[in-house]
PDB file of N, CA and C in Angstrom:
ATOM      1  N   MET A   1       0.622  -1.359  -0.197  1.00  0.00           N
ATOM      2  CA  MET A   1       0.036   0.001  -0.209  1.00  0.00           C
ATOM      3  C   MET A   1       0.721   0.705  -0.392  1.00  0.00           C
ATOM      4  N   LYS A   2       0.972   1.934  -1.126  1.00  0.00           N
ATOM      5  CA  LYS A   2       1.421   3.410  -0.724  1.00  0.00           C
ATOM      6  C   LYS A   2       0.765   4.468  -0.471  1.00  0.00           C
ATOM      7  N   ALA A   3       1.839   5.243   1.109  1.00  0.00           N
ATOM      8  CA  ALA A   3       1.133   5.810   1.326  1.00  0.00           C
ATOM      9  C   ALA A   3       0.675   7.237   0.239  1.00  0.00           C
ATOM     10  N   GLU A   4      -0.496   7.793   0.658  1.00  0.00           N
ATOM     11  CA  GLU A   4      -1.049   9.143  -0.187  1.00  0.00           C
ATOM     12  C   GLU A   4       0.125   9.530   0.779  1.00  0.00           C
ATOM     13  N   ALA A   5      -0.317  11.147  -0.464  1.00  0.00           N
ATOM     14  CA  ALA A   5      -0.161  12.508   0.222  1.00  0.00           C
ATOM     15  C   ALA A   5      -0.823  13.287   0.886  1.00  0.00           C
ATOM     16  N   LYS A   6      -1.235  14.213   2.137  1.00  0.00           N
ATOM     17  CA  LYS A   6      -1.765  14.277   2.271  1.00  0.00           C
ATOM     18  C   LYS A   6      -2.020  15.824   1.501  1.00  0.00           C
ATOM     19  N   LYS A   7      -3.830  16.249   1.393  1.00  0.00           N
ATOM     20  CA  LYS A   7      -3.360  18.004   0.222  1.00  0.00           C
ATOM     21  C   LYS A   7      -4.260  18.358   1.576  1.00  0.00           C
ATOM     22  N   VAL A   8      -4.129  20.209   1.581  1.00  0.00           N
ATOM     23  CA  VAL A   8      -4.822  20.077   2.344  1.00  0.00           C
ATOM     24  C   VAL A   8      -5.566  21.309   1.686  1.00  0.00           C
ATOM     25  N   LYS A   9      -6.700  21.238   1.712  1.00  0.00           N
ATOM     26  CA  LYS A   9      -7.675  22.195   0.718  1.00  0.00           C
ATOM     27  C   LYS A   9      -7.666  23.378   0.471  1.00  0.00           C
ATOM     28  N   ASN A  10      -7.737  23.704  -0.356  1.00  0.00           N
ATOM     29  CA  ASN A  10      -7.533  25.643  -0.439  1.00  0.00           C
ATOM     30  C   ASN A  10      -6.123  26.484   0.747  1.00  0.00           C
ATOM     31  N   PHE A  11      -5.541  25.434   0.504  1.00  0.00           N
ATOM     32  CA  PHE A  11      -4.450  26.774   1.312  1.00  0.00           C
ATOM     33  C   PHE A  11      -4.055  27.539   0.650  1.00  0.00           C
ATOM     34  N   ASP A  12      -3.889  28.594   1.780  1.00  0.00           N
ATOM     35  CA  ASP A  12      -3.254  30.188   1.078  1.00  0.00           C
ATOM     36  C   ASP A  12      -1.629  30.206   1.410  1.00  0.00           C
ATOM     37  N   ALA A  13      -0.817  29.908   0.558  1.00  0.00           N
ATOM     38  CA  ALA A  13       0.209  29.787   2.245  1.00  0.00           C
ATOM     39  C   ALA A  13       0.829  31.042   2.004  1.00  0.00           C
ATOM     40  N   VAL A  14       0.493  32.587   1.283  1.00  0.00           N
ATOM     41  CA  VAL A  14       0.294  33.950   2.106  1.00  0.00           C
ATOM     42  C   VAL A  14      -0.637  34.013   2.654  1.00  0.00           C
ATOM     43  N   LYS A  15      -1.932  33.651   2.648  1.00  0.00           N
ATOM     44  CA  LYS A  15      -2.471  34.229   3.699  1.00  0.00           C
ATOM     45  C   LYS A  15      -2.266  33.755   4.981  1.00  0.00           C
ATOM     46  N   PHE A  16      -1.430  32.108   5.002  1.00  0.00           N
ATOM     47  CA  PHE A  16      -1.209  31.311   6.476  1.00  0.00           C
ATOM     48  C   PHE A  16       0.312  32.518   6.947  1.00  0.00           C
ATOM     49  N   MET A  17       1.379  32.719   5.376  1.00  0.00           N
ATOM     50  CA  MET A  17       1.764  33.705   5.985  1.00  0.00           C
ATOM     51  C   MET A  17       2.111  35.203   6.841  1.00  0.00           C
ATOM     52  N   ARG A  18       0.802  35.468   6.384  1.00  0.00           N
ATOM     53  CA  ARG A  18       0.245  36.959   7.225  1.00  0.00           C
ATOM     54  C   ARG A  18       0.096  36.398   8.228  1.00  0.00           C
ATOM     55  N   ASP A  19      -1.486  35.321   8.467  1.00  0.00           N
ATOM     56  CA  ASP A  19      -0.929  35.334  10.182  1.00  0.00           C
ATOM     57  C   ASP A  19      -0.769  35.370  11.079  1.00  0.00           C
ATOM     58  N   ALA A  20       0.172  34.408  10.733  1.00  0.00           N
ATOM     59  CA  ALA A  20       1.195  34.054  11.268  1.00  0.00           C
ATOM     60  C   ALA A  20       2.400  35.375  12.073  1.00  0.00           C
ATOM     61  N   ARG A  21       2.473  36.000  10.980  1.00  0.00           N
ATOM     62  CA  ARG A  21       3.212  37.648  10.998  1.00  0.00           C
ATOM     63  C   ARG A  21       1.924  38.162  12.547  1.00  0.00           C
ATOM     64  N   ASP A  22       0.763  38.020  12.259  1.00  0.00           N
ATOM     65  CA  ASP A  22       0.260  38.993  12.650  1.00  0.00           C
ATOM     66  C   ASP A  22      -0.128  38.914  14.555  1.00  0.00           C
ATOM     67  N   LYS A  23      -0.040  37.208  14.377  1.00  0.00           N
ATOM     68  CA  LYS A  23      -0.238  36.922  15.800  1.00  0.00           C
ATOM     69  C   LYS A  23       1.614  37.124  16.260  1.00  0.00           C
ATOM     70  N   ILE A  24       2.176  37.056  15.971  1.00  0.00           N
ATOM     71  CA  ILE A  24       3.473  37.052  16.342  1.00  0.00           C
ATOM     72  C   ILE A  24       3.876  38.599  17.074  1.00  0.00           C
ATOM     73  N   THR A  25       3.489  38.925  16.206  1.00  0.00           N
ATOM     74  CA  THR A  25       2.943  40.704  16.329  1.00  0.00           C
ATOM     75  C   THR A  25       2.178  41.054  17.307  1.00  0.00           C
ATOM     76  N   LYS A  26       1.316  40.636  17.705  1.00  0.00           N
ATOM     77  CA  LYS A  26       0.072  40.769  19.312  1.00  0.00           C
ATOM     78  C   LYS A  26       1.353  40.842  19.963  1.00  0.00           C
ATOM     79  N   GLU A  27       2.161  38.639  19.903  1.00  0.00           N
ATOM     80  CA  GLU A  27       2.399  38.317  21.512  1.00  0.00           C
ATOM     81  C   GLU A  27       3.694  39.085  21.904  1.00  0.00           C
ATOM     82  N   THR A  28       4.801  40.048  21.139  1.00  0.00           N
ATOM     83  CA  THR A  28       5.858  40.204  21.145  1.00  0.00           C
ATOM     84  C   THR A  28       4.982  41.699  20.638  1.00  0.00           C
ATOM     85  N   GLU A  29       4.460  42.597  20.884  1.00  0.00           N
ATOM     86  CA  GLU A  29       4.381  44.175  21.320  1.00  0.00           C
ATOM     87  C   GLU A  29       4.878  44.602  22.943  1.00  0.00           C
ATOM     88  N   GLY A  30       5.323  45.865  21.730  1.00  0.00           N
ATOM     89  CA  GLY A  30       5.571  46.257  24.064  1.00  0.00           C
ATOM     90  C   GLY A  30       6.727  45.861  24.717  1.00  0.00           C
ATOM     91  N   MET A  31       7.526  44.350  24.076  1.00  0.00           N
ATOM     92  CA  MET A  31       8.468  43.525  24.692  1.00  0.00           C
ATOM     93  C   MET A  31       9.780  44.245  25.052  1.00  0.00           C
ATOM     94  N   ASN A  32      10.730  43.436  25.590  1.00  0.00           N
ATOM     95  CA  ASN A  32      12.251  44.924  25.473  1.00  0.00           C
ATOM     96  C   ASN A  32      12.525  43.552  24.911  1.00  0.00           C
ATOM     97  N   PHE A  33      13.756  43.721  24.846  1.00  0.00           N
ATOM     98  CA  PHE A  33      14.648  43.054  23.807  1.00  0.00           C
ATOM     99  C   PHE A  33      14.862  41.582  24.580  1.00  0.00           C
ATOM    100  N   GLU A  34      15.107  41.597  25.891  1.00  0.00           N
ATOM    101  CA  GLU A  34      15.281  39.912  26.835  1.00  0.00           C
ATOM    102  C   GLU A  34      13.842  39.457  27.082  1.00  0.00           C
ATOM    103  N   GLN A  35      12.711  40.029  26.786  1.00  0.00           N
ATOM    104  CA  GLN A  35      11.312  38.741  26.468  1.00  0.00           C
ATOM    105  C   GLN A  35      10.896  38.662  24.835  1.00  0.00           C
ATOM    106  N   LEU A  36      12.009  39.200  24.083  1.00  0.00           N
ATOM    107  CA  LEU A  36      12.347  39.086  22.728  1.00  0.00           C
ATOM    108  C   LEU A  36      12.815  37.760  22.196  1.00  0.00           C
ATOM    109  N   LYS A  37      13.714  37.837  23.570  1.00  0.00           N
ATOM    110  CA  LYS A  37      14.918  36.563  23.012  1.00  0.00           C
ATOM    111  C   LYS A  37      14.510  35.478  23.743  1.00  0.00           C
ATOM    112  N   SER A  38      13.687  35.430  24.981  1.00  0.00           N
ATOM    113  CA  SER A  38      13.708  34.474  25.884  1.00  0.00           C
ATOM    114  C   SER A  38      11.927  34.023  24.974  1.00  0.00           C
ATOM    115  N   TYR A  39      10.803  34.812  24.338  1.00  0.00           N
ATOM    116  CA  TYR A  39       9.839  34.097  24.031  1.00  0.00           C
ATOM    117  C   TYR A  39      10.680  33.442  22.585  1.00  0.00           C
ATOM    118  N   PHE A  40      11.204  33.726  22.205  1.00  0.00           N
ATOM    119  CA  PHE A  40      12.408  33.285  19.925  1.00  0.00           C
ATOM    120  C   PHE A  40      12.076  32.091  20.614  1.00  0.00           C
ATOM    121  N   GLU A  41      13.334  32.156  22.135  1.00  0.00           N
ATOM    122  CA  GLU A  41      14.423  31.124  22.008  1.00  0.00           C
ATOM    123  C   GLU A  41      13.109  29.737  22.698  1.00  0.00           C
ATOM    124  N   LYS A  42      12.207  30.789  23.617  1.00  0.00           N
ATOM    125  CA  LYS A  42      10.623  29.152  23.619  1.00  0.00           C
ATOM    126  C   LYS A  42      10.106  28.781  21.994  1.00  0.00           C
ATOM    127  N   ARG A  43       9.696  29.064  21.685  1.00  0.00           N
ATOM    128  CA  ARG A  43       9.572  29.274  20.377  1.00  0.00           C
ATOM    129  C   ARG A  43      10.297  28.272  19.488  1.00  0.00           C
ATOM    130  N   LYS A  44      12.170  28.386  19.508  1.00  0.00           N
ATOM    131  CA  LYS A  44      12.127  27.494  18.456  1.00  0.00           C
ATOM    132  C   LYS A  44      12.982  26.103  18.900  1.00  0.00           C
ATOM    133  N   SER A  45      12.424  26.087  20.636  1.00  0.00           N
ATOM    134  CA  SER A  45      12.762  25.111  21.073  1.00  0.00           C
ATOM    135  C   SER A  45      11.217  24.455  21.286  1.00  0.00           C
ATOM    136  N   LEU A  46      10.511  24.509  21.069  1.00  0.00           N
ATOM    137  CA  LEU A  46       9.433  24.395  20.903  1.00  0.00           C
ATOM    138  C   LEU A  46       9.385  23.479  19.721  1.00  0.00           C
ATOM    139  N   ALA A  47       9.951  24.001  18.413  1.00  0.00           N
ATOM    140  CA  ALA A  47       9.528  23.730  17.066  1.00  0.00           C
ATOM    141  C   ALA A  47      10.685  22.795  17.150  1.00  0.00           C
ATOM    142  N   ALA A  48      11.661  22.699  17.767  1.00  0.00           N
ATOM    143  CA  ALA A  48      12.366  20.985  17.805  1.00  0.00           C
ATOM    144  C   ALA A  48      11.931  19.944  18.472  1.00  0.00           C
ATOM    145  N   LYS A  49      10.977  20.481  18.960  1.00  0.00           N
ATOM    146  CA  LYS A  49      10.243  19.214  19.377  1.00  0.00           C
ATOM    147  C   LYS A  49       9.290  18.829  18.431  1.00  0.00           C
ATOM    148  N   ASN A  50       9.322  19.902  17.149  1.00  0.00           N
ATOM    149  CA  ASN A  50       7.810  19.178  17.089  1.00  0.00           C
ATOM    150  C   ASN A  50       7.145  19.853  17.408  1.00  0.00           C
ATOM    151  N   VAL A  51       6.528  20.461  17.927  1.00  0.00           N
ATOM    152  CA  VAL A  51       5.373  20.909  18.273  1.00  0.00           C
ATOM    153  C   VAL A  51       4.938  22.667  17.564  1.00  0.00           C
ATOM    154  N   ASN A  52       3.875  22.374  16.922  1.00  0.00           N
ATOM    155  CA  ASN A  52       3.103  23.377  16.302  1.00  0.00           C
ATOM    156  C   ASN A  52       3.129  24.818  17.606  1.00  0.00           C
ATOM    157  N   PRO A  53       4.117  25.909  18.092  1.00  0.00           N
ATOM    158  CA  PRO A  53       2.968  26.965  18.092  1.00  0.00           C
ATOM    159  C   PRO A  53       2.687  27.803  17.711  1.00  0.00           C
ATOM    160  N   VAL A  54       2.183  27.683  16.854  1.00  0.00           N
ATOM    161  CA  VAL A  54       1.596  28.791  16.344  1.00  0.00           C
ATOM    162  C   VAL A  54       0.285  28.093  15.937  1.00  0.00           C
ATOM    163  N   GLY A  55      -1.264  28.413  16.763  1.00  0.00           N
ATOM    164  CA  GLY A  55      -2.707  28.236  17.068  1.00  0.00           C
ATOM    165  C   GLY A  55      -3.465  27.954  18.358  1.00  0.00           C
TER     166      GLY A  55
END
C-alpha cells in the first residue's frame, strides 16, 4: 500500500504567513530585548520538539 500525500484543500500560503506574522506581532508587542529573546528561544525549542507553536 502506497502512502498517500495529505493535501490541504484551499491552502493559501500568503494568508498563512500573514496570519502567523500578525500573531507574532500581537504576542511580542511592547516586549523589551530580553523578553523577545526569551520568546524566540521558547518558540525555537518547541519547533525542535516538533510542537506546533502557532495556533
